[in-house]
Amino acid sequence: MPNGSLEKFIYEKENPLKEERQLDCKTLYDIAVGVAHGLEYLHKGCNTRILHFDIKPHNILIDDDFCPKISDFGLAKICPRKESIVSVFGARGTPGYIAQELFSRNFGGVSHKSDVYSYGMMVLEMVGRRKNIKVEVDCSSELYFPHYKRLELNQDLGLRCIKNEIDEEMVRKMTVVSLWCIQTDPLHRPAMHKVLEMLEGSVQMLEIPPKPFLSSPSTSSIHLLSEIL
């Protein structure tokens, strides 16, 4: 794709041109909606359901018109649409985006909701313009959200990408929807068609989700999230 992959536009440390490659809130929002449409098609639009298992900014390619394309299906798994739970041996995906049930079945079965979790983590990175994961952190018992209280109190999110009230509304929707997507229990995460309804609907209709908590896996090879935004 002419514009490469999404991470070049959202990670400031990896963006040598910074201002020239800085995407505005509307473009980020449109990319988030576009990826949601792509995942909904993989989960519901095909005759056979396709689970991607590696949704992250590096695997979202951007064309000339800044339309996103989901790429890299090396970890994908095909399953009959009638089956909601799939059999997967071992964690698959990229640390920082892997849903809890992929490293411990105590959190629930592996399903299309695992892609929903990865999507939520990716969109939070798009909003915060920083990586969710710190490689020097081996484990964490809780996900920490500096802006969570501001959402609960309906306060200004105070993010640099927000220039006006329209930007504030789009970013607030992306943030609230993402927090629903990364709920610990897969049953509490919305399906992708519901994600689209929330993103494309009114921000006033969105409820603030419970704050997610995460128990870390036993292996130190999987680095967990220490902070978001």
C-alpha atoms as a PDB file:
ATOM      1  CA  MET A   1       0.000   0.000   0.000  1.00  0.00           C
ATOM      2  CA  PRO A   2       1.262   3.526  -0.854  1.00  0.00           C
ATOM      3  CA  ASN A   3       1.078   4.796   2.724  1.00  0.00           C
ATOM      4  CA  GLY A   4       2.506   1.717   4.393  1.00  0.00           C
ATOM      5  CA  SER A   5       1.014   0.546   7.670  1.00  0.00           C
ATOM      6  CA  LEU A   6      -0.857   2.335  10.423  1.00  0.00           C
ATOM      7  CA  GLU A   7       1.867   2.312  13.071  1.00  0.00           C
ATOM      8  CA  LYS A   8       3.873   4.899  11.082  1.00  0.00           C
ATOM      9  CA  PHE A   9       1.120   7.422  11.706  1.00  0.00           C
ATOM     10  CA  ILE A  10       0.345   6.846  15.385  1.00  0.00           C
ATOM     11  CA  TYR A  11       3.618   6.120  17.226  1.00  0.00           C
ATOM     12  CA  GLU A  12       5.382   9.420  17.701  1.00  0.00           C
ATOM     13  CA  LYS A  13       8.770   7.848  18.458  1.00  0.00           C
ATOM     14  CA  GLU A  14       8.621   5.923  15.176  1.00  0.00           C
ATOM     15  CA  ASN A  15       7.469   8.937  13.177  1.00  0.00           C
ATOM     16  CA  PRO A  16      10.502  11.010  12.106  1.00  0.00           C
ATOM     17  CA  LEU A  17       8.324  13.439  10.118  1.00  0.00           C
ATOM     18  CA  LYS A  18       5.842  13.870  13.004  1.00  0.00           C
ATOM     19  CA  GLU A  19       3.676  16.809  11.961  1.00  0.00           C
ATOM     20  CA  GLU A  20       3.742  15.869   8.285  1.00  0.00           C
ATOM     21  CA  ARG A  21       2.447  12.385   9.032  1.00  0.00           C
ATOM     22  CA  GLN A  22       0.139  13.290  11.912  1.00  0.00           C
ATOM     23  CA  LEU A  23      -3.390  12.108  11.163  1.00  0.00           C
ATOM     24  CA  ASP A  24      -6.316  14.230  12.274  1.00  0.00           C
ATOM     25  CA  CYS A  25      -9.117  12.815  14.428  1.00  0.00           C
ATOM     26  CA  LYS A  26     -11.508  12.392  11.489  1.00  0.00           C
ATOM     27  CA  THR A  27      -8.988  10.292   9.556  1.00  0.00           C
ATOM     28  CA  LEU A  28      -8.236   8.164  12.633  1.00  0.00           C
ATOM     29  CA  TYR A  29     -11.957   7.712  13.234  1.00  0.00           C
ATOM     30  CA  ASP A  30     -12.564   6.698   9.603  1.00  0.00           C
ATOM     31  CA  ILE A  31      -9.719   4.176   9.813  1.00  0.00           C
ATOM     32  CA  ALA A  32     -11.182   2.702  13.017  1.00  0.00           C
ATOM     33  CA  VAL A  33     -14.591   2.391  11.354  1.00  0.00           C
ATOM     34  CA  GLY A  34     -13.030   0.883   8.223  1.00  0.00           C
ATOM     35  CA  VAL A  35     -11.173  -1.798  10.177  1.00  0.00           C
ATOM     36  CA  ALA A  36     -14.382  -2.562  12.091  1.00  0.00           C
ATOM     37  CA  HIS A  37     -16.202  -3.083   8.783  1.00  0.00           C
ATOM     38  CA  GLY A  38     -13.409  -5.400   7.629  1.00  0.00           C
ATOM     39  CA  LEU A  39     -13.565  -7.491  10.793  1.00  0.00           C
ATOM     40  CA  GLU A  40     -17.344  -7.662  10.653  1.00  0.00           C
ATOM     41  CA  TYR A  41     -17.038  -9.060   7.129  1.00  0.00           C
ATOM     42  CA  LEU A  42     -14.503 -11.677   8.230  1.00  0.00           C
ATOM     43  CA  HIS A  43     -16.695 -12.696  11.177  1.00  0.00           C
ATOM     44  CA  LYS A  44     -20.136 -12.566   9.537  1.00  0.00           C
ATOM     45  CA  GLY A  45     -19.934 -11.754   5.836  1.00  0.00           C
ATOM     46  CA  CYS A  46     -18.091 -14.843   4.622  1.00  0.00           C
ATOM     47  CA  ASN A  47     -19.611 -18.301   4.193  1.00  0.00           C
ATOM     48  CA  THR A  48     -16.963 -19.501   6.622  1.00  0.00           C
ATOM     49  CA  ARG A  49     -16.027 -17.349   9.610  1.00  0.00           C
ATOM     50  CA  ILE A  50     -12.407 -16.144   9.609  1.00  0.00           C
ATOM     51  CA  LEU A  51     -10.678 -15.217  12.863  1.00  0.00           C
ATOM     52  CA  HIS A  52      -7.610 -13.075  12.262  1.00  0.00           C
ATOM     53  CA  PHE A  53      -5.820 -13.386  15.642  1.00  0.00           C
ATOM     54  CA  ASP A  54      -3.257 -10.660  14.921  1.00  0.00           C
ATOM     55  CA  ILE A  55      -5.038  -7.331  14.646  1.00  0.00           C
ATOM     56  CA  LYS A  56      -2.535  -4.542  15.353  1.00  0.00           C
ATOM     57  CA  PRO A  57      -1.415  -1.283  13.674  1.00  0.00           C
ATOM     58  CA  HIS A  58       1.414  -3.042  11.807  1.00  0.00           C
ATOM     59  CA  ASN A  59      -1.141  -5.258  10.043  1.00  0.00           C
ATOM     60  CA  ILE A  60      -3.405  -2.428   8.927  1.00  0.00           C
ATOM     61  CA  LEU A  61      -2.254  -1.116   5.541  1.00  0.00           C
ATOM     62  CA  ILE A  62      -3.240   2.360   4.361  1.00  0.00           C
ATOM     63  CA  ASP A  63      -3.972   3.196   0.715  1.00  0.00           C
ATOM     64  CA  ASP A  64      -3.757   6.536  -1.119  1.00  0.00           C
ATOM     65  CA  ASP A  65      -7.129   7.640   0.255  1.00  0.00           C
ATOM     66  CA  PHE A  66      -6.241   6.509   3.787  1.00  0.00           C
ATOM     67  CA  CYS A  67      -8.667   3.604   3.589  1.00  0.00           C
ATOM     68  CA  PRO A  68      -7.471   0.731   5.810  1.00  0.00           C
ATOM     69  CA  LYS A  69      -6.823  -2.814   4.571  1.00  0.00           C
ATOM     70  CA  ILE A  70      -6.471  -5.724   7.000  1.00  0.00           C
ATOM     71  CA  SER A  71      -3.351  -7.742   6.132  1.00  0.00           C
ATOM     72  CA  ASP A  72      -1.211 -10.682   7.308  1.00  0.00           C
ATOM     73  CA  PHE A  73      -3.469 -13.696   7.765  1.00  0.00           C
ATOM     74  CA  GLY A  74      -0.626 -15.974   8.857  1.00  0.00           C
ATOM     75  CA  LEU A  75      -2.246 -16.698  12.229  1.00  0.00           C
ATOM     76  CA  ALA A  76      -5.828 -16.706  10.984  1.00  0.00           C
ATOM     77  CA  LYS A  77      -8.145 -19.623  11.652  1.00  0.00           C
ATOM     78  CA  ILE A  78     -11.202 -20.663   9.685  1.00  0.00           C
ATOM     79  CA  CYS A  79     -14.200 -22.025  11.547  1.00  0.00           C
ATOM     80  CA  PRO A  80     -17.829 -22.875  10.692  1.00  0.00           C
ATOM     81  CA  ARG A  81     -20.190 -19.964  11.337  1.00  0.00           C
ATOM     82  CA  LYS A  82     -22.375 -22.191  13.529  1.00  0.00           C
ATOM     83  CA  GLU A  83     -19.527 -22.654  15.985  1.00  0.00           C
ATOM     84  CA  SER A  84     -18.811 -19.773  18.365  1.00  0.00           C
ATOM     85  CA  ILE A  85     -15.876 -21.350  20.235  1.00  0.00           C
ATOM     86  CA  VAL A  86     -12.769 -22.575  18.419  1.00  0.00           C
ATOM     87  CA  SER A  87      -9.932 -24.852  19.486  1.00  0.00           C
ATOM     88  CA  VAL A  88      -6.574 -23.090  19.597  1.00  0.00           C
ATOM     89  CA  PHE A  89      -3.407 -24.539  21.135  1.00  0.00           C
ATOM     90  CA  GLY A  90      -1.174 -21.946  22.766  1.00  0.00           C
ATOM     91  CA  ALA A  91      -1.363 -18.180  22.607  1.00  0.00           C
ATOM     92  CA  ARG A  92      -1.360 -16.744  19.111  1.00  0.00           C
ATOM     93  CA  GLY A  93      -0.992 -13.097  18.278  1.00  0.00           C
ATOM     94  CA  THR A  94       1.253 -10.216  19.338  1.00  0.00           C
ATOM     95  CA  PRO A  95       1.912  -9.347  23.012  1.00  0.00           C
ATOM     96  CA  GLY A  96      -0.094  -6.290  23.937  1.00  0.00           C
ATOM     97  CA  TYR A  97      -3.009  -7.277  21.721  1.00  0.00           C
ATOM     98  CA  ILE A  98      -3.674 -10.872  22.814  1.00  0.00           C
ATOM     99  CA  ALA A  99      -6.994 -11.468  24.553  1.00  0.00           C
ATOM    100  CA  GLN A 100      -6.771 -13.101  27.989  1.00  0.00           C
ATOM    101  CA  GLU A 101      -8.589 -16.274  26.924  1.00  0.00           C
ATOM    102  CA  LEU A 102      -5.810 -17.024  24.438  1.00  0.00           C
ATOM    103  CA  PHE A 103      -3.283 -17.595  27.214  1.00  0.00           C
ATOM    104  CA  SER A 104      -5.692 -18.948  29.862  1.00  0.00           C
ATOM    105  CA  ARG A 105      -9.002 -20.704  29.222  1.00  0.00           C
ATOM    106  CA  ASN A 106     -10.075 -19.617  32.711  1.00  0.00           C
ATOM    107  CA  PHE A 107     -11.144 -16.367  31.076  1.00  0.00           C
ATOM    108  CA  GLY A 108     -13.496 -18.096  28.627  1.00  0.00           C
ATOM    109  CA  GLY A 109     -13.463 -19.741  25.224  1.00  0.00           C
ATOM    110  CA  VAL A 110     -11.562 -18.471  22.189  1.00  0.00           C
ATOM    111  CA  SER A 111     -13.872 -16.947  19.588  1.00  0.00           C
ATOM    112  CA  HIS A 112     -14.364 -13.953  17.305  1.00  0.00           C
ATOM    113  CA  LYS A 113     -14.416 -11.918  20.534  1.00  0.00           C
ATOM    114  CA  SER A 114     -10.628 -12.418  20.683  1.00  0.00           C
ATOM    115  CA  ASP A 115     -10.324 -10.273  17.544  1.00  0.00           C
ATOM    116  CA  VAL A 116     -12.620  -7.728  19.189  1.00  0.00           C
ATOM    117  CA  TYR A 117     -10.159  -7.443  22.093  1.00  0.00           C
ATOM    118  CA  SER A 118      -7.205  -6.877  19.743  1.00  0.00           C
ATOM    119  CA  TYR A 119      -9.213  -4.282  17.830  1.00  0.00           C
ATOM    120  CA  GLY A 120      -9.965  -2.418  21.055  1.00  0.00           C
ATOM    121  CA  MET A 121      -6.315  -2.326  22.075  1.00  0.00           C
ATOM    122  CA  MET A 122      -5.340  -1.059  18.629  1.00  0.00           C
ATOM    123  CA  VAL A 123      -7.904   1.754  18.636  1.00  0.00           C
ATOM    124  CA  LEU A 124      -6.762   2.863  22.097  1.00  0.00           C
ATOM    125  CA  GLU A 125      -3.264   3.166  20.645  1.00  0.00           C
ATOM    126  CA  MET A 126      -4.648   5.218  17.768  1.00  0.00           C
ATOM    127  CA  VAL A 127      -6.320   7.598  20.210  1.00  0.00           C
ATOM    128  CA  GLY A 128      -3.375   7.866  22.605  1.00  0.00           C
ATOM    129  CA  ARG A 129      -0.690   7.794  19.868  1.00  0.00           C
ATOM    130  CA  ARG A 130       1.494   5.502  21.936  1.00  0.00           C
ATOM    131  CA  LYS A 131       2.071   1.799  22.420  1.00  0.00           C
ATOM    132  CA  ASN A 132       0.000   0.022  25.060  1.00  0.00           C
ATOM    133  CA  ILE A 133       2.876  -2.236  26.038  1.00  0.00           C
ATOM    134  CA  LYS A 134       6.183  -1.605  27.783  1.00  0.00           C
ATOM    135  CA  VAL A 135       8.634  -4.396  27.070  1.00  0.00           C
ATOM    136  CA  GLU A 136      10.408  -3.970  30.409  1.00  0.00           C
ATOM    137  CA  VAL A 137       7.246  -4.878  32.310  1.00  0.00           C
ATOM    138  CA  ASP A 138       6.871  -8.614  32.909  1.00  0.00           C
ATOM    139  CA  CYS A 139       3.471  -8.660  34.589  1.00  0.00           C
ATOM    140  CA  SER A 140       0.645  -6.498  35.827  1.00  0.00           C
ATOM    141  CA  SER A 141      -2.522  -7.285  37.761  1.00  0.00           C
ATOM    142  CA  GLU A 142      -4.485  -4.298  36.486  1.00  0.00           C
ATOM    143  CA  LEU A 143      -4.926  -2.254  33.328  1.00  0.00           C
ATOM    144  CA  TYR A 144      -4.416   1.392  34.136  1.00  0.00           C
ATOM    145  CA  PHE A 145      -6.386   4.067  32.321  1.00  0.00           C
ATOM    146  CA  PRO A 146      -5.355   7.678  33.083  1.00  0.00           C
ATOM    147  CA  HIS A 147      -8.375   9.019  31.133  1.00  0.00           C
ATOM    148  CA  TYR A 148     -10.951   6.587  32.501  1.00  0.00           C
ATOM    149  CA  LYS A 149     -12.091   8.914  35.300  1.00  0.00           C
ATOM    150  CA  ARG A 150     -12.483  11.759  32.826  1.00  0.00           C
ATOM    151  CA  LEU A 151     -14.843   9.598  30.779  1.00  0.00           C
ATOM    152  CA  GLU A 152     -16.875   8.743  33.872  1.00  0.00           C
ATOM    153  CA  LEU A 153     -17.140  12.426  34.821  1.00  0.00           C
ATOM    154  CA  ASN A 154     -17.764  13.477  31.203  1.00  0.00           C
ATOM    155  CA  GLN A 155     -14.713  15.725  31.300  1.00  0.00           C
ATOM    156  CA  ASP A 156     -12.448  16.880  28.458  1.00  0.00           C
ATOM    157  CA  LEU A 157     -10.079  14.027  27.546  1.00  0.00           C
ATOM    158  CA  GLY A 158      -7.212  16.487  27.154  1.00  0.00           C
ATOM    159  CA  LEU A 159      -5.539  14.653  24.260  1.00  0.00           C
ATOM    160  CA  ARG A 160      -3.316  16.538  21.820  1.00  0.00           C
ATOM    161  CA  CYS A 161      -5.122  15.313  18.713  1.00  0.00           C
ATOM    162  CA  ILE A 162      -8.381  16.982  19.790  1.00  0.00           C
ATOM    163  CA  LYS A 163      -8.838  20.394  18.145  1.00  0.00           C
ATOM    164  CA  ASN A 164     -12.584  21.042  18.525  1.00  0.00           C
ATOM    165  CA  GLU A 165     -15.877  19.615  19.825  1.00  0.00           C
ATOM    166  CA  ILE A 166     -16.318  17.345  16.802  1.00  0.00           C
ATOM    167  CA  ASP A 167     -12.883  15.830  17.417  1.00  0.00           C
ATOM    168  CA  GLU A 168     -13.760  15.408  21.098  1.00  0.00           C
ATOM    169  CA  GLU A 169     -16.915  13.482  20.210  1.00  0.00           C
ATOM    170  CA  MET A 170     -15.143  11.148  17.773  1.00  0.00           C
ATOM    171  CA  VAL A 171     -12.298  10.432  20.190  1.00  0.00           C
ATOM    172  CA  ARG A 172     -14.727   9.883  23.065  1.00  0.00           C
ATOM    173  CA  LYS A 173     -16.657   7.339  20.977  1.00  0.00           C
ATOM    174  CA  MET A 174     -13.462   5.549  19.969  1.00  0.00           C
ATOM    175  CA  THR A 175     -12.292   5.434  23.578  1.00  0.00           C
ATOM    176  CA  VAL A 176     -15.563   4.206  25.098  1.00  0.00           C
ATOM    177  CA  VAL A 177     -16.060   1.586  22.385  1.00  0.00           C
ATOM    178  CA  SER A 178     -12.480   0.372  22.820  1.00  0.00           C
ATOM    179  CA  LEU A 179     -12.942  -0.030  26.570  1.00  0.00           C
ATOM    180  CA  TRP A 180     -15.968  -2.211  25.877  1.00  0.00           C
ATOM    181  CA  CYS A 181     -13.910  -4.242  23.394  1.00  0.00           C
ATOM    182  CA  ILE A 182     -11.191  -5.080  25.963  1.00  0.00           C
ATOM    183  CA  GLN A 183     -13.475  -6.337  28.711  1.00  0.00           C
ATOM    184  CA  THR A 184     -11.910  -9.314  30.497  1.00  0.00           C
ATOM    185  CA  ASP A 185     -14.914 -11.594  29.981  1.00  0.00           C
ATOM    186  CA  PRO A 186     -15.379 -12.250  26.234  1.00  0.00           C
ATOM    187  CA  LEU A 187     -19.149 -12.387  26.786  1.00  0.00           C
ATOM    188  CA  HIS A 188     -19.080  -8.726  27.831  1.00  0.00           C
ATOM    189  CA  ARG A 189     -17.342  -7.589  24.645  1.00  0.00           C
ATOM    190  CA  PRO A 190     -19.532  -6.415  21.757  1.00  0.00           C
ATOM    191  CA  ALA A 191     -19.535  -8.238  18.437  1.00  0.00           C
ATOM    192  CA  MET A 192     -18.143  -6.204  15.546  1.00  0.00           C
ATOM    193  CA  HIS A 193     -21.582  -5.289  14.199  1.00  0.00           C
ATOM    194  CA  LYS A 194     -22.364  -3.773  17.596  1.00  0.00           C
ATOM    195  CA  VAL A 195     -18.995  -1.967  17.579  1.00  0.00           C
ATOM    196  CA  LEU A 196     -20.013  -0.339  14.296  1.00  0.00           C
ATOM    197  CA  GLU A 197     -23.402   0.655  15.706  1.00  0.00           C
ATOM    198  CA  MET A 198     -21.710   2.358  18.644  1.00  0.00           C
ATOM    199  CA  LEU A 199     -19.052   4.095  16.536  1.00  0.00           C
ATOM    200  CA  GLU A 200     -21.555   5.373  14.007  1.00  0.00           C
ATOM    201  CA  GLY A 201     -24.233   6.273  16.570  1.00  0.00           C
ATOM    202  CA  SER A 202     -24.594   9.102  19.043  1.00  0.00           C
ATOM    203  CA  VAL A 203     -21.950   9.503  21.729  1.00  0.00           C
ATOM    204  CA  GLN A 204     -24.707  10.412  24.195  1.00  0.00           C
ATOM    205  CA  MET A 205     -26.114   6.879  23.878  1.00  0.00           C
ATOM    206  CA  LEU A 206     -22.866   5.204  24.932  1.00  0.00           C
ATOM    207  CA  GLU A 207     -22.531   3.825  28.440  1.00  0.00           C
ATOM    208  CA  ILE A 208     -19.166   3.831  30.200  1.00  0.00           C
ATOM    209  CA  PRO A 209     -18.077   0.176  30.570  1.00  0.00           C
ATOM    210  CA  PRO A 210     -16.695  -1.370  33.754  1.00  0.00           C
ATOM    211  CA  LYS A 211     -12.964  -0.910  34.216  1.00  0.00           C
ATOM    212  CA  PRO A 212     -11.278  -4.123  32.974  1.00  0.00           C
ATOM    213  CA  PHE A 213      -8.910  -6.107  35.165  1.00  0.00           C
ATOM    214  CA  LEU A 214      -6.322  -8.553  33.957  1.00  0.00           C
ATOM    215  CA  SER A 215      -4.502 -11.434  35.601  1.00  0.00           C
ATOM    216  CA  SER A 216      -1.086 -11.953  34.089  1.00  0.00           C
ATOM    217  CA  PRO A 217      -0.017 -15.254  32.491  1.00  0.00           C
ATOM    218  CA  SER A 218       2.644 -17.307  34.171  1.00  0.00           C
ATOM    219  CA  THR A 219       5.159 -17.083  31.358  1.00  0.00           C
ATOM    220  CA  SER A 220       7.395 -14.028  31.309  1.00  0.00           C
ATOM    221  CA  SER A 221       7.684 -14.235  27.532  1.00  0.00           C
ATOM    222  CA  ILE A 222       4.322 -12.497  27.236  1.00  0.00           C
ATOM    223  CA  HIS A 223       4.734  -8.883  28.341  1.00  0.00           C
ATOM    224  CA  LEU A 224       1.508  -7.405  29.617  1.00  0.00           C
ATOM    225  CA  LEU A 225       0.098  -3.918  29.413  1.00  0.00           C
ATOM    226  CA  SER A 226       1.080  -1.417  32.051  1.00  0.00           C
ATOM    227  CA  GLU A 227      -0.724   1.684  30.837  1.00  0.00           C
ATOM    228  CA  ILE A 228      -2.911   2.942  28.053  1.00  0.00           C
ATOM    229  CA  LEU A 229      -3.182   6.361  26.400  1.00  0.00           C
END
